[in-house]
C-alpha atoms as a PDB file:
ATOM      1  CA  MET A   1     -11.916 119.631  17.829  1.00  0.00           C
ATOM      2  CA  GLU A   2     -12.135 123.422  17.791  1.00  0.00           C
ATOM      3  CA  VAL A   3     -12.271 124.853  14.276  1.00  0.00           C
ATOM      4  CA  ILE A   4     -11.474 128.516  13.595  1.00  0.00           C
ATOM      5  CA  LEU A   5     -12.607 129.781  10.198  1.00  0.00           C
ATOM      6  CA  ALA A   6     -11.126 133.012   8.860  1.00  0.00           C
ATOM      7  CA  LYS A   7     -13.821 135.648   8.375  1.00  0.00           C
ATOM      8  CA  SER A   8     -12.047 136.858   5.243  1.00  0.00           C
ATOM      9  CA  ALA A   9     -11.930 133.426   3.576  1.00  0.00           C
ATOM     10  CA  GLY A  10     -13.508 133.123   0.143  1.00  0.00           C
ATOM     11  CA  PHE A  11     -14.460 135.346  -2.768  1.00  0.00           C
ATOM     12  CA  CYS A  12     -13.162 138.895  -2.675  1.00  0.00           C
ATOM     13  CA  PHE A  13     -15.091 141.738  -4.308  1.00  0.00           C
ATOM     14  CA  GLY A  14     -13.261 141.574  -7.645  1.00  0.00           C
ATOM     15  CA  VAL A  15     -13.618 137.813  -7.998  1.00  0.00           C
ATOM     16  CA  LYS A  16     -17.302 137.813  -7.022  1.00  0.00           C
ATOM     17  CA  ARG A  17     -17.954 140.566  -9.561  1.00  0.00           C
ATOM     18  CA  ALA A  18     -16.116 138.701 -12.344  1.00  0.00           C
ATOM     19  CA  VAL A  19     -17.857 135.373 -11.723  1.00  0.00           C
ATOM     20  CA  GLU A  20     -21.290 137.021 -11.547  1.00  0.00           C
ATOM     21  CA  THR A  21     -20.526 138.781 -14.837  1.00  0.00           C
ATOM     22  CA  VAL A  22     -19.979 135.445 -16.584  1.00  0.00           C
ATOM     23  CA  TYR A  23     -23.154 133.875 -15.195  1.00  0.00           C
ATOM     24  CA  GLN A  24     -25.131 136.949 -16.279  1.00  0.00           C
ATOM     25  CA  GLN A  25     -23.785 136.579 -19.818  1.00  0.00           C
ATOM     26  CA  VAL A  26     -24.661 132.870 -19.805  1.00  0.00           C
ATOM     27  CA  GLU A  27     -28.294 133.766 -19.080  1.00  0.00           C
ATOM     28  CA  LYS A  28     -28.306 136.051 -22.135  1.00  0.00           C
ATOM     29  CA  GLY A  29     -27.253 133.148 -24.333  1.00  0.00           C
ATOM     30  CA  GLY A  30     -24.935 132.990 -27.321  1.00  0.00           C
ATOM     31  CA  HIS A  31     -21.324 131.925 -27.541  1.00  0.00           C
ATOM     32  CA  ILE A  32     -19.544 132.929 -24.328  1.00  0.00           C
ATOM     33  CA  TYR A  33     -15.783 132.866 -23.909  1.00  0.00           C
ATOM     34  CA  THR A  34     -13.443 133.963 -21.138  1.00  0.00           C
ATOM     35  CA  TYR A  35      -9.999 135.248 -22.047  1.00  0.00           C
ATOM     36  CA  GLY A  36      -8.067 132.872 -19.817  1.00  0.00           C
ATOM     37  CA  PRO A  37      -9.720 131.298 -16.750  1.00  0.00           C
ATOM     38  CA  ILE A  38     -12.041 133.942 -15.291  1.00  0.00           C
ATOM     39  CA  ILE A  39     -10.486 133.236 -11.871  1.00  0.00           C
ATOM     40  CA  HIS A  40      -7.872 130.798 -10.615  1.00  0.00           C
ATOM     41  CA  ASN A  41     -10.222 128.133  -9.309  1.00  0.00           C
ATOM     42  CA  GLU A  42     -10.658 124.894 -11.202  1.00  0.00           C
ATOM     43  CA  ALA A  43     -14.080 124.083  -9.697  1.00  0.00           C
ATOM     44  CA  VAL A  44     -15.567 127.404 -10.823  1.00  0.00           C
ATOM     45  CA  VAL A  45     -14.048 127.147 -14.300  1.00  0.00           C
ATOM     46  CA  ARG A  46     -15.342 123.579 -14.649  1.00  0.00           C
ATOM     47  CA  ASP A  47     -18.869 124.618 -13.660  1.00  0.00           C
ATOM     48  CA  LEU A  48     -18.830 127.415 -16.236  1.00  0.00           C
ATOM     49  CA  GLU A  49     -17.575 125.034 -18.920  1.00  0.00           C
ATOM     50  CA  GLU A  50     -20.520 122.733 -18.162  1.00  0.00           C
ATOM     51  CA  LYS A  51     -22.767 125.732 -18.852  1.00  0.00           C
ATOM     52  CA  GLY A  52     -21.150 126.245 -22.253  1.00  0.00           C
ATOM     53  CA  VAL A  53     -18.480 128.824 -21.417  1.00  0.00           C
ATOM     54  CA  SER A  54     -15.179 128.228 -23.233  1.00  0.00           C
ATOM     55  CA  VAL A  55     -11.791 129.355 -21.975  1.00  0.00           C
ATOM     56  CA  ILE A  56      -9.673 130.781 -24.773  1.00  0.00           C
ATOM     57  CA  LYS A  57      -6.104 131.993 -25.088  1.00  0.00           C
ATOM     58  CA  ASP A  58      -4.550 134.682 -27.234  1.00  0.00           C
ATOM     59  CA  THR A  59      -3.972 132.426 -30.239  1.00  0.00           C
ATOM     60  CA  ASP A  60      -7.682 131.479 -30.330  1.00  0.00           C
ATOM     61  CA  LEU A  61      -8.942 135.011 -31.004  1.00  0.00           C
ATOM     62  CA  ASP A  62      -8.336 134.993 -34.744  1.00  0.00           C
ATOM     63  CA  ARG A  63     -10.569 131.944 -35.299  1.00  0.00           C
ATOM     64  CA  LEU A  64     -13.636 133.267 -33.458  1.00  0.00           C
ATOM     65  CA  GLU A  65     -16.407 134.621 -35.668  1.00  0.00           C
ATOM     66  CA  ASP A  66     -19.075 135.670 -33.177  1.00  0.00           C
ATOM     67  CA  GLY A  67     -19.850 135.761 -29.490  1.00  0.00           C
ATOM     68  CA  THR A  68     -18.851 137.523 -26.300  1.00  0.00           C
ATOM     69  CA  VAL A  69     -15.365 137.466 -24.825  1.00  0.00           C
ATOM     70  CA  ILE A  70     -15.145 138.251 -21.117  1.00  0.00           C
ATOM     71  CA  ILE A  71     -11.870 139.629 -19.787  1.00  0.00           C
ATOM     72  CA  ARG A  72     -10.691 137.705 -16.722  1.00  0.00           C
ATOM     73  CA  SER A  73     -10.519 139.290 -13.280  1.00  0.00           C
ATOM     74  CA  HIS A  74      -6.718 139.521 -13.532  1.00  0.00           C
ATOM     75  CA  GLY A  75      -6.923 141.921 -16.476  1.00  0.00           C
ATOM     76  CA  VAL A  76      -5.119 141.854 -19.827  1.00  0.00           C
ATOM     77  CA  PRO A  77      -2.712 144.053 -21.811  1.00  0.00           C
ATOM     78  CA  ARG A  78      -4.373 147.103 -23.372  1.00  0.00           C
ATOM     79  CA  GLU A  79      -4.163 145.827 -26.944  1.00  0.00           C
ATOM     80  CA  VAL A  80      -6.207 142.692 -26.224  1.00  0.00           C
ATOM     81  CA  CYS A  81      -9.560 144.493 -25.937  1.00  0.00           C
ATOM     82  CA  GLY A  82      -8.863 146.239 -29.240  1.00  0.00           C
ATOM     83  CA  ARG A  83      -8.147 142.933 -30.942  1.00  0.00           C
ATOM     84  CA  ILE A  84     -11.373 141.418 -29.607  1.00  0.00           C
ATOM     85  CA  GLU A  85     -13.480 144.281 -30.935  1.00  0.00           C
ATOM     86  CA  LYS A  86     -11.591 144.328 -34.250  1.00  0.00           C
ATOM     87  CA  GLN A  87     -12.521 140.653 -34.657  1.00  0.00           C
ATOM     88  CA  GLY A  88     -16.187 141.695 -34.464  1.00  0.00           C
ATOM     89  CA  LEU A  89     -16.722 140.183 -31.036  1.00  0.00           C
ATOM     90  CA  THR A  90     -18.333 141.758 -27.987  1.00  0.00           C
ATOM     91  CA  CYS A  91     -15.814 142.537 -25.263  1.00  0.00           C
ATOM     92  CA  VAL A  92     -17.025 142.506 -21.646  1.00  0.00           C
ATOM     93  CA  ASP A  93     -14.364 143.679 -19.211  1.00  0.00           C
ATOM     94  CA  ALA A  94     -14.563 141.879 -15.846  1.00  0.00           C
ATOM     95  CA  THR A  95     -11.135 143.071 -14.697  1.00  0.00           C
ATOM     96  CA  CYS A  96     -11.041 143.686 -10.948  1.00  0.00           C
ATOM     97  CA  PRO A  97     -11.394 147.465 -10.340  1.00  0.00           C
ATOM     98  CA  PHE A  98      -8.317 147.385  -8.094  1.00  0.00           C
ATOM     99  CA  VAL A  99      -6.300 145.938 -10.980  1.00  0.00           C
ATOM    100  CA  LYS A 100      -7.761 148.516 -13.374  1.00  0.00           C
ATOM    101  CA  ARG A 101      -6.476 151.218 -11.030  1.00  0.00           C
ATOM    102  CA  ILE A 102      -2.944 149.855 -11.510  1.00  0.00           C
ATOM    103  CA  HIS A 103      -3.404 149.929 -15.287  1.00  0.00           C
ATOM    104  CA  THR A 104      -4.310 153.619 -15.084  1.00  0.00           C
ATOM    105  CA  ILE A 105      -1.333 154.456 -12.871  1.00  0.00           C
ATOM    106  CA  VAL A 106       1.103 152.558 -15.092  1.00  0.00           C
ATOM    107  CA  GLU A 107      -0.281 154.096 -18.275  1.00  0.00           C
ATOM    108  CA  GLN A 108      -0.094 157.661 -16.949  1.00  0.00           C
ATOM    109  CA  GLU A 109       3.274 157.381 -15.199  1.00  0.00           C
ATOM    110  CA  SER A 110       5.003 155.625 -18.098  1.00  0.00           C
ATOM    111  CA  ARG A 111       3.621 158.256 -20.472  1.00  0.00           C
ATOM    112  CA  ALA A 112       5.203 160.866 -18.205  1.00  0.00           C
ATOM    113  CA  GLY A 113       8.574 159.217 -18.791  1.00  0.00           C
ATOM    114  CA  LYS A 114       8.942 157.197 -15.607  1.00  0.00           C
ATOM    115  CA  GLN A 115      10.432 153.711 -15.433  1.00  0.00           C
ATOM    116  CA  ILE A 116       7.712 151.317 -14.291  1.00  0.00           C
ATOM    117  CA  ILE A 117       8.729 148.688 -11.758  1.00  0.00           C
ATOM    118  CA  ILE A 118       6.184 146.017 -10.845  1.00  0.00           C
ATOM    119  CA  ILE A 119       6.704 144.026  -7.668  1.00  0.00           C
ATOM    120  CA  GLY A 120       5.026 140.728  -8.381  1.00  0.00           C
ATOM    121  CA  ASN A 121       5.309 137.264  -9.873  1.00  0.00           C
ATOM    122  CA  PRO A 122       6.672 137.176 -13.443  1.00  0.00           C
ATOM    123  CA  GLY A 123       4.380 135.258 -15.767  1.00  0.00           C
ATOM    124  CA  HIS A 124       1.299 135.740 -13.597  1.00  0.00           C
ATOM    125  CA  PRO A 125      -1.676 136.907 -15.723  1.00  0.00           C
ATOM    126  CA  GLU A 126      -2.206 140.015 -13.587  1.00  0.00           C
ATOM    127  CA  VAL A 127       1.448 141.058 -13.921  1.00  0.00           C
ATOM    128  CA  GLU A 128       1.457 140.408 -17.676  1.00  0.00           C
ATOM    129  CA  GLY A 129      -1.679 142.516 -17.978  1.00  0.00           C
ATOM    130  CA  ILE A 130      -0.118 145.393 -16.002  1.00  0.00           C
ATOM    131  CA  MET A 131       2.999 145.278 -18.178  1.00  0.00           C
ATOM    132  CA  GLY A 132       0.775 145.656 -21.228  1.00  0.00           C
ATOM    133  CA  TRP A 133      -0.401 149.096 -20.055  1.00  0.00           C
ATOM    134  CA  SER A 134       3.066 150.612 -19.812  1.00  0.00           C
ATOM    135  CA  GLU A 135       4.153 152.864 -22.683  1.00  0.00           C
ATOM    136  CA  THR A 136       7.739 151.641 -22.212  1.00  0.00           C
ATOM    137  CA  PRO A 137       9.124 148.230 -21.115  1.00  0.00           C
ATOM    138  CA  ALA A 138       8.373 147.602 -17.445  1.00  0.00           C
ATOM    139  CA  ILE A 139      10.637 145.765 -14.987  1.00  0.00           C
ATOM    140  CA  VAL A 140       9.237 142.979 -12.800  1.00  0.00           C
ATOM    141  CA  ILE A 141      10.854 142.195  -9.437  1.00  0.00           C
ATOM    142  CA  GLU A 142       9.872 139.509  -6.931  1.00  0.00           C
ATOM    143  CA  SER A 143      13.007 138.804  -4.865  1.00  0.00           C
ATOM    144  CA  GLU A 144      15.537 140.632  -2.683  1.00  0.00           C
ATOM    145  CA  LYS A 145      18.321 139.690  -5.090  1.00  0.00           C
ATOM    146  CA  GLU A 146      16.472 141.247  -8.028  1.00  0.00           C
ATOM    147  CA  ALA A 147      15.833 144.415  -5.992  1.00  0.00           C
ATOM    148  CA  GLN A 148      19.486 144.637  -5.001  1.00  0.00           C
ATOM    149  CA  ASN A 149      20.621 144.130  -8.613  1.00  0.00           C
ATOM    150  CA  LEU A 150      18.259 146.753 -10.009  1.00  0.00           C
ATOM    151  CA  ASP A 151      20.228 149.143 -12.187  1.00  0.00           C
ATOM    152  CA  CYS A 152      18.358 152.096 -13.673  1.00  0.00           C
ATOM    153  CA  PRO A 153      19.984 155.102 -15.395  1.00  0.00           C
ATOM    154  CA  PRO A 154      20.984 157.889 -12.944  1.00  0.00           C
ATOM    155  CA  GLY A 155      18.322 160.583 -12.694  1.00  0.00           C
ATOM    156  CA  LYS A 156      15.603 158.307 -14.097  1.00  0.00           C
ATOM    157  CA  ASP A 157      12.309 158.768 -12.268  1.00  0.00           C
ATOM    158  CA  ILE A 158      10.749 155.519 -11.126  1.00  0.00           C
ATOM    159  CA  CYS A 159       7.135 154.538 -10.449  1.00  0.00           C
ATOM    160  CA  LEU A 160       6.782 151.402  -8.358  1.00  0.00           C
ATOM    161  CA  VAL A 161       3.536 149.414  -8.181  1.00  0.00           C
ATOM    162  CA  SER A 162       2.603 145.980  -6.857  1.00  0.00           C
ATOM    163  CA  GLN A 163       0.584 142.988  -7.913  1.00  0.00           C
ATOM    164  CA  THR A 164      -2.639 143.216  -5.881  1.00  0.00           C
ATOM    165  CA  THR A 165      -2.081 139.859  -4.163  1.00  0.00           C
ATOM    166  CA  PHE A 166       1.610 140.218  -3.331  1.00  0.00           C
ATOM    167  CA  ASN A 167       2.790 139.562   0.229  1.00  0.00           C
ATOM    168  CA  TYR A 168       2.521 142.938   1.972  1.00  0.00           C
ATOM    169  CA  ASN A 169       5.558 142.508   4.249  1.00  0.00           C
ATOM    170  CA  LYS A 170       7.732 141.330   1.371  1.00  0.00           C
ATOM    171  CA  PHE A 171       6.554 144.288  -0.703  1.00  0.00           C
ATOM    172  CA  GLN A 172       7.705 146.674   2.035  1.00  0.00           C
ATOM    173  CA  GLU A 173      11.096 144.943   2.226  1.00  0.00           C
ATOM    174  CA  LEU A 174      11.690 145.225  -1.523  1.00  0.00           C
ATOM    175  CA  VAL A 175      10.602 148.874  -1.566  1.00  0.00           C
ATOM    176  CA  GLU A 176      13.136 149.679   1.173  1.00  0.00           C
ATOM    177  CA  ILE A 177      15.949 147.990  -0.755  1.00  0.00           C
ATOM    178  CA  ILE A 178      15.161 149.988  -3.904  1.00  0.00           C
ATOM    179  CA  GLN A 179      14.745 153.264  -2.012  1.00  0.00           C
ATOM    180  CA  LYS A 180      18.229 152.909  -0.522  1.00  0.00           C
ATOM    181  CA  LYS A 181      19.669 153.047  -4.040  1.00  0.00           C
ATOM    182  CA  GLY A 182      18.898 156.755  -4.123  1.00  0.00           C
ATOM    183  CA  TYR A 183      16.490 156.750  -7.039  1.00  0.00           C
ATOM    184  CA  ASN A 184      13.687 159.291  -7.283  1.00  0.00           C
ATOM    185  CA  ILE A 185      10.830 156.903  -6.586  1.00  0.00           C
ATOM    186  CA  SER A 186       7.081 157.287  -6.314  1.00  0.00           C
ATOM    187  CA  VAL A 187       5.526 154.254  -4.621  1.00  0.00           C
ATOM    188  CA  ALA A 188       1.924 153.193  -5.169  1.00  0.00           C
ATOM    189  CA  ASN A 189       0.952 150.492  -2.697  1.00  0.00           C
ATOM    190  CA  THR A 190      -1.508 148.717  -4.965  1.00  0.00           C
ATOM    191  CA  ILE A 191      -1.924 145.610  -2.817  1.00  0.00           C
ATOM    192  CA  CYS A 192      -5.678 145.538  -2.249  1.00  0.00           C
ATOM    193  CA  ASN A 193      -7.072 145.898   1.271  1.00  0.00           C
ATOM    194  CA  ALA A 194      -8.760 142.507   1.049  1.00  0.00           C
ATOM    195  CA  THR A 195      -5.377 140.876   0.447  1.00  0.00           C
ATOM    196  CA  GLU A 196      -3.740 142.651   3.397  1.00  0.00           C
ATOM    197  CA  GLU A 197      -6.626 141.745   5.706  1.00  0.00           C
ATOM    198  CA  ARG A 198      -6.710 138.129   4.528  1.00  0.00           C
ATOM    199  CA  GLN A 199      -2.963 137.702   5.030  1.00  0.00           C
ATOM    200  CA  ALA A 200      -2.991 139.352   8.461  1.00  0.00           C
ATOM    201  CA  GLU A 201      -5.919 137.227   9.644  1.00  0.00           C
ATOM    202  CA  ALA A 202      -4.363 134.022   8.295  1.00  0.00           C
ATOM    203  CA  LYS A 203      -1.104 134.775  10.103  1.00  0.00           C
ATOM    204  CA  LEU A 204      -2.925 135.428  13.376  1.00  0.00           C
ATOM    205  CA  ILE A 205      -5.029 132.267  13.204  1.00  0.00           C
ATOM    206  CA  ALA A 206      -2.063 130.098  12.174  1.00  0.00           C
ATOM    207  CA  SER A 207      -0.129 131.324  15.213  1.00  0.00           C
ATOM    208  CA  GLN A 208      -2.936 130.174  17.513  1.00  0.00           C
ATOM    209  CA  VAL A 209      -3.771 126.697  16.165  1.00  0.00           C
ATOM    210  CA  ASP A 210      -2.202 123.235  16.073  1.00  0.00           C
ATOM    211  CA  ALA A 211      -3.001 122.671  12.376  1.00  0.00           C
ATOM    212  CA  MET A 212      -3.958 124.932   9.494  1.00  0.00           C
ATOM    213  CA  ILE A 213      -5.862 124.246   6.280  1.00  0.00           C
ATOM    214  CA  VAL A 214      -5.494 126.609   3.307  1.00  0.00           C
ATOM    215  CA  ILE A 215      -8.031 126.153   0.496  1.00  0.00           C
ATOM    216  CA  GLY A 216      -7.596 127.405  -3.057  1.00  0.00           C
ATOM    217  CA  GLY A 217      -6.677 126.712  -6.661  1.00  0.00           C
ATOM    218  CA  THR A 218      -3.240 125.365  -7.500  1.00  0.00           C
ATOM    219  CA  HIS A 219      -2.625 128.352  -9.799  1.00  0.00           C
ATOM    220  CA  SER A 220      -3.904 130.936  -7.327  1.00  0.00           C
ATOM    221  CA  SER A 221      -1.126 133.368  -6.400  1.00  0.00           C
ATOM    222  CA  ASN A 222      -2.934 134.802  -3.384  1.00  0.00           C
ATOM    223  CA  THR A 223      -3.660 131.316  -2.002  1.00  0.00           C
ATOM    224  CA  ALA A 224      -0.018 130.273  -2.414  1.00  0.00           C
ATOM    225  CA  LYS A 225       1.014 133.326  -0.408  1.00  0.00           C
ATOM    226  CA  LEU A 226      -1.509 132.472   2.307  1.00  0.00           C
ATOM    227  CA  TYR A 227       0.044 129.021   2.512  1.00  0.00           C
ATOM    228  CA  GLU A 228       3.545 130.500   2.825  1.00  0.00           C
ATOM    229  CA  ILE A 229       2.398 132.828   5.609  1.00  0.00           C
ATOM    230  CA  CYS A 230       0.570 130.095   7.520  1.00  0.00           C
ATOM    231  CA  ARG A 231       3.398 127.587   7.088  1.00  0.00           C
ATOM    232  CA  ARG A 232       5.802 129.969   8.824  1.00  0.00           C
ATOM    233  CA  GLU A 233       3.457 130.221  11.810  1.00  0.00           C
ATOM    234  CA  CYS A 234       2.202 126.635  11.905  1.00  0.00           C
ATOM    235  CA  GLU A 235       4.340 123.772  10.635  1.00  0.00           C
ATOM    236  CA  ASN A 236       1.294 121.504  10.346  1.00  0.00           C
ATOM    237  CA  THR A 237      -0.247 123.448   7.418  1.00  0.00           C
ATOM    238  CA  CYS A 238      -1.782 121.838   4.318  1.00  0.00           C
ATOM    239  CA  PHE A 239      -2.838 123.338   0.966  1.00  0.00           C
ATOM    240  CA  ILE A 240      -5.898 121.799  -0.722  1.00  0.00           C
ATOM    241  CA  GLN A 241      -8.226 122.642  -3.616  1.00  0.00           C
ATOM    242  CA  THR A 242     -11.343 120.800  -2.444  1.00  0.00           C
ATOM    243  CA  LEU A 243     -12.480 118.391   0.249  1.00  0.00           C
ATOM    244  CA  ASP A 244     -11.334 115.491  -1.970  1.00  0.00           C
ATOM    245  CA  ASP A 245      -7.718 116.588  -1.416  1.00  0.00           C
ATOM    246  CA  LEU A 246      -8.034 116.598   2.359  1.00  0.00           C
ATOM    247  CA  GLN A 247      -6.006 113.732   3.811  1.00  0.00           C
ATOM    248  CA  LEU A 248      -5.449 114.518   7.455  1.00  0.00           C
ATOM    249  CA  ASP A 249      -4.116 112.241  10.127  1.00  0.00           C
ATOM    250  CA  PHE A 250      -4.082 114.565  13.101  1.00  0.00           C
ATOM    251  CA  PRO A 251      -1.896 113.574  16.050  1.00  0.00           C
ATOM    252  CA  GLU A 252      -3.527 113.523  19.480  1.00  0.00           C
ATOM    253  CA  SER A 253      -1.854 116.846  20.245  1.00  0.00           C
ATOM    254  CA  VAL A 254      -4.056 118.680  17.717  1.00  0.00           C
ATOM    255  CA  PHE A 255      -6.992 120.361  19.439  1.00  0.00           C
ATOM    256  CA  ARG A 256      -7.463 123.517  17.335  1.00  0.00           C
ATOM    257  CA  VAL A 257      -7.604 123.709  13.541  1.00  0.00           C
ATOM    258  CA  GLY A 258      -7.638 126.907  11.517  1.00  0.00           C
ATOM    259  CA  ILE A 259      -9.117 127.267   8.038  1.00  0.00           C
ATOM    260  CA  THR A 260      -8.600 130.034   5.507  1.00  0.00           C
ATOM    261  CA  ALA A 261      -9.107 130.243   1.756  1.00  0.00           C
ATOM    262  CA  GLY A 262      -7.943 132.245  -1.228  1.00  0.00           C
ATOM    263  CA  ALA A 263      -9.918 134.988  -2.921  1.00  0.00           C
ATOM    264  CA  SER A 264     -11.077 132.616  -5.684  1.00  0.00           C
ATOM    265  CA  THR A 265     -12.460 129.868  -3.444  1.00  0.00           C
ATOM    266  CA  PRO A 266     -16.281 129.401  -3.500  1.00  0.00           C
ATOM    267  CA  ASN A 267     -18.080 129.380  -0.156  1.00  0.00           C
ATOM    268  CA  TYR A 268     -19.539 125.909  -0.700  1.00  0.00           C
ATOM    269  CA  ILE A 269     -16.030 124.379  -0.822  1.00  0.00           C
ATOM    270  CA  ILE A 270     -15.034 126.179   2.383  1.00  0.00           C
ATOM    271  CA  GLU A 271     -18.220 124.990   4.113  1.00  0.00           C
ATOM    272  CA  GLU A 272     -17.656 121.390   2.998  1.00  0.00           C
ATOM    273  CA  VAL A 273     -14.159 121.364   4.480  1.00  0.00           C
ATOM    274  CA  GLN A 274     -15.245 123.098   7.672  1.00  0.00           C
ATOM    275  CA  ASN A 275     -18.171 120.709   8.253  1.00  0.00           C
ATOM    276  CA  TYR A 276     -16.047 117.658   7.519  1.00  0.00           C
ATOM    277  CA  VAL A 277     -13.372 118.653  10.035  1.00  0.00           C
ATOM    278  CA  ARG A 278     -15.967 119.463  12.703  1.00  0.00           C
ATOM    279  CA  VAL A 279     -17.752 116.110  12.309  1.00  0.00           C
ATOM    280  CA  ASN A 280     -14.799 113.769  11.797  1.00  0.00           C
ATOM    281  CA  PHE A 281     -12.153 115.007  14.218  1.00  0.00           C
END
């Protein structure tokens, strides 16, 4: 069995930085909390919990009396950091720098009077965080139908940004639909380079193999998009979190297997899957 592993698989810069930030705080001691899961990977979150790190949500803030709250890599609305500090807690911001860039754009452009449109997944922590930096209510779009039904006041300037992990080709399609409406639009392609490269590589590998394995957390947006991309190129594609989820019964026609992983997947999980496939098939 030939196994092709994507070079881009595994932790991206922002995720690696966020996870390292938490482990550094653990070494300092004290009560450590993350505002939401630091990244969307259950294995990483579980390991941190075993080291005493607690995951909290918004409603938990008011009951905390001391400790350090670390902002997740996806970022949070602007008012959250203020609330943490007002509670007398130490706030450590581990937001991915690429996400922070979107916050700055949204804050400045909305303050200038522009309508903010976010192309991304409603309800995703990153999108909710971006919305929280807009001075006026932002609009979130993720489908062609929503783009076609967009109805902004005539003459209203629009600033369009994207969730960092959104599908690049789909982003371009939605931008074109909105541009045809004749609005005065400024477009900031805020999909990070790592996402574009990961998606492009996954598509290429999936088109060349007989089976494809995508590794990542069940709540990971970027991993779900990798699965969608690979599934279109290779029908025999599976989505797993860890080696324990791998249940493959390859037909005799499978000679080449591709492996990729989301930006929140630790290297040790990728290596376990890769080694298992190499040895057992």
